[in-house]
Amino acid sequence: MELKDWHTADIIAALKKRGTNLSALSRQAGLASSTLANALRRPWPKGERLIAEALDIAPEKIWPTRYRHPGRPHKYHHQNGR
């Protein structure tokens, strides 16, 4: 079974249907208004969790390719070894 992440537009639309958006969620979390958009482009467990909580769904349902086991994100390594 092929796992497929939600399309970015679907995530944004789902948030809009709930009366919010990425900027508002970012500000509610004490972040700069554009910060949560990072989770749409690259793995960021904290951001993924904040978005998923707003949608009442587990992050691994939105981004299954980023999770090996339910609730546990992949381990990501920096290319420069840090």
C-alpha atoms as a PDB file:
ATOM      1  CA  MET A   1       0.000   0.000   0.000  1.00  0.00           C
ATOM      2  CA  GLU A   2       1.473   3.327  -1.076  1.00  0.00           C
ATOM      3  CA  LEU A   3       1.443   5.996   1.589  1.00  0.00           C
ATOM      4  CA  LYS A   4       0.742   9.468   0.315  1.00  0.00           C
ATOM      5  CA  ASP A   5       0.975  12.721   2.234  1.00  0.00           C
ATOM      6  CA  TRP A   6      -1.876  15.189   2.080  1.00  0.00           C
ATOM      7  CA  HIS A   7      -1.422  17.874  -0.557  1.00  0.00           C
ATOM      8  CA  THR A   8      -0.474  21.254   0.896  1.00  0.00           C
ATOM      9  CA  ALA A   9      -3.654  22.809  -0.521  1.00  0.00           C
ATOM     10  CA  ASP A  10      -5.741  20.149   1.245  1.00  0.00           C
ATOM     11  CA  ILE A  11      -4.124  20.964   4.597  1.00  0.00           C
ATOM     12  CA  ILE A  12      -4.713  24.685   4.117  1.00  0.00           C
ATOM     13  CA  ALA A  13      -8.333  24.055   3.052  1.00  0.00           C
ATOM     14  CA  ALA A  14      -8.966  21.779   6.040  1.00  0.00           C
ATOM     15  CA  LEU A  15      -7.684  24.484   8.390  1.00  0.00           C
ATOM     16  CA  LYS A  16      -9.851  27.096   6.655  1.00  0.00           C
ATOM     17  CA  LYS A  17     -12.924  24.861   7.068  1.00  0.00           C
ATOM     18  CA  ARG A  18     -12.183  24.884  10.795  1.00  0.00           C
ATOM     19  CA  GLY A  19     -12.008  28.663  10.825  1.00  0.00           C
ATOM     20  CA  THR A  20      -8.263  29.056  11.135  1.00  0.00           C
ATOM     21  CA  ASN A  21      -5.099  29.212   9.074  1.00  0.00           C
ATOM     22  CA  LEU A  22      -1.373  28.595   9.403  1.00  0.00           C
ATOM     23  CA  SER A  23      -0.628  32.186  10.430  1.00  0.00           C
ATOM     24  CA  ALA A  24      -3.184  32.142  13.229  1.00  0.00           C
ATOM     25  CA  LEU A  25      -1.969  28.759  14.489  1.00  0.00           C
ATOM     26  CA  SER A  26       1.615  30.016  14.454  1.00  0.00           C
ATOM     27  CA  ARG A  27       0.737  33.093  16.475  1.00  0.00           C
ATOM     28  CA  GLN A  28      -1.333  31.041  18.963  1.00  0.00           C
ATOM     29  CA  ALA A  29       1.736  28.854  19.518  1.00  0.00           C
ATOM     30  CA  GLY A  30       3.905  31.916  20.151  1.00  0.00           C
ATOM     31  CA  LEU A  31       5.698  31.616  16.818  1.00  0.00           C
ATOM     32  CA  ALA A  32       6.203  34.065  13.980  1.00  0.00           C
ATOM     33  CA  SER A  33       3.209  34.037  11.658  1.00  0.00           C
ATOM     34  CA  SER A  34       5.023  32.262   8.818  1.00  0.00           C
ATOM     35  CA  THR A  35       6.775  29.611  10.922  1.00  0.00           C
ATOM     36  CA  LEU A  36       4.241  26.760  10.667  1.00  0.00           C
ATOM     37  CA  ALA A  37       4.404  26.873   6.879  1.00  0.00           C
ATOM     38  CA  ASN A  38       7.796  25.165   7.279  1.00  0.00           C
ATOM     39  CA  ALA A  39       6.019  21.947   8.280  1.00  0.00           C
ATOM     40  CA  LEU A  40       4.332  21.865   4.874  1.00  0.00           C
ATOM     41  CA  ARG A  41       7.668  21.870   3.045  1.00  0.00           C
ATOM     42  CA  ARG A  42       9.905  19.769   5.266  1.00  0.00           C
ATOM     43  CA  PRO A  43       9.710  17.477   8.283  1.00  0.00           C
ATOM     44  CA  TRP A  44       9.247  19.336  11.549  1.00  0.00           C
ATOM     45  CA  PRO A  45       7.542  17.206  14.236  1.00  0.00           C
ATOM     46  CA  LYS A  46       6.516  20.144  16.449  1.00  0.00           C
ATOM     47  CA  GLY A  47       4.883  21.989  13.556  1.00  0.00           C
ATOM     48  CA  GLU A  48       3.262  18.817  12.248  1.00  0.00           C
ATOM     49  CA  ARG A  49       1.787  18.173  15.692  1.00  0.00           C
ATOM     50  CA  LEU A  50       0.386  21.714  15.987  1.00  0.00           C
ATOM     51  CA  ILE A  51      -1.287  21.484  12.581  1.00  0.00           C
ATOM     52  CA  ALA A  52      -2.609  17.985  13.252  1.00  0.00           C
ATOM     53  CA  GLU A  53      -4.053  19.014  16.637  1.00  0.00           C
ATOM     54  CA  ALA A  54      -5.935  21.863  14.947  1.00  0.00           C
ATOM     55  CA  LEU A  55      -7.429  19.294  12.564  1.00  0.00           C
ATOM     56  CA  ASP A  56      -8.146  16.681  15.273  1.00  0.00           C
ATOM     57  CA  ILE A  57      -6.093  14.081  13.427  1.00  0.00           C
ATOM     58  CA  ALA A  58      -2.776  12.360  14.074  1.00  0.00           C
ATOM     59  CA  PRO A  59       0.252  13.825  12.255  1.00  0.00           C
ATOM     60  CA  GLU A  60       1.052  10.428  10.726  1.00  0.00           C
ATOM     61  CA  LYS A  61      -2.336  10.485   8.954  1.00  0.00           C
ATOM     62  CA  ILE A  62      -1.447  13.784   7.266  1.00  0.00           C
ATOM     63  CA  TRP A  63       2.211  12.944   6.555  1.00  0.00           C
ATOM     64  CA  PRO A  64       2.478   9.136   6.530  1.00  0.00           C
ATOM     65  CA  THR A  65       5.762   9.221   4.617  1.00  0.00           C
ATOM     66  CA  ARG A  66       7.360  11.123   7.498  1.00  0.00           C
ATOM     67  CA  TYR A  67       6.496   8.471  10.094  1.00  0.00           C
ATOM     68  CA  ARG A  68       7.698   4.868  10.288  1.00  0.00           C
ATOM     69  CA  HIS A  69       5.612   3.909  13.287  1.00  0.00           C
ATOM     70  CA  PRO A  70       2.400   5.607  14.452  1.00  0.00           C
ATOM     71  CA  GLY A  71       3.191   8.686  16.505  1.00  0.00           C
ATOM     72  CA  ARG A  72       6.960   8.487  15.993  1.00  0.00           C
ATOM     73  CA  PRO A  73       8.656  10.667  13.392  1.00  0.00           C
ATOM     74  CA  HIS A  74      11.564   9.439  11.281  1.00  0.00           C
ATOM     75  CA  LYS A  75      15.033  10.286  12.484  1.00  0.00           C
ATOM     76  CA  TYR A  76      16.442  12.928  10.180  1.00  0.00           C
ATOM     77  CA  HIS A  77      20.132  13.650   9.887  1.00  0.00           C
ATOM     78  CA  HIS A  78      21.702  16.824   8.629  1.00  0.00           C
ATOM     79  CA  GLN A  79      23.824  16.351   5.543  1.00  0.00           C
ATOM     80  CA  ASN A  80      26.756  18.125   7.167  1.00  0.00           C
ATOM     81  CA  GLY A  81      26.745  15.676  10.079  1.00  0.00           C
ATOM     82  CA  ARG A  82      25.599  18.069  12.783  1.00  0.00           C
END
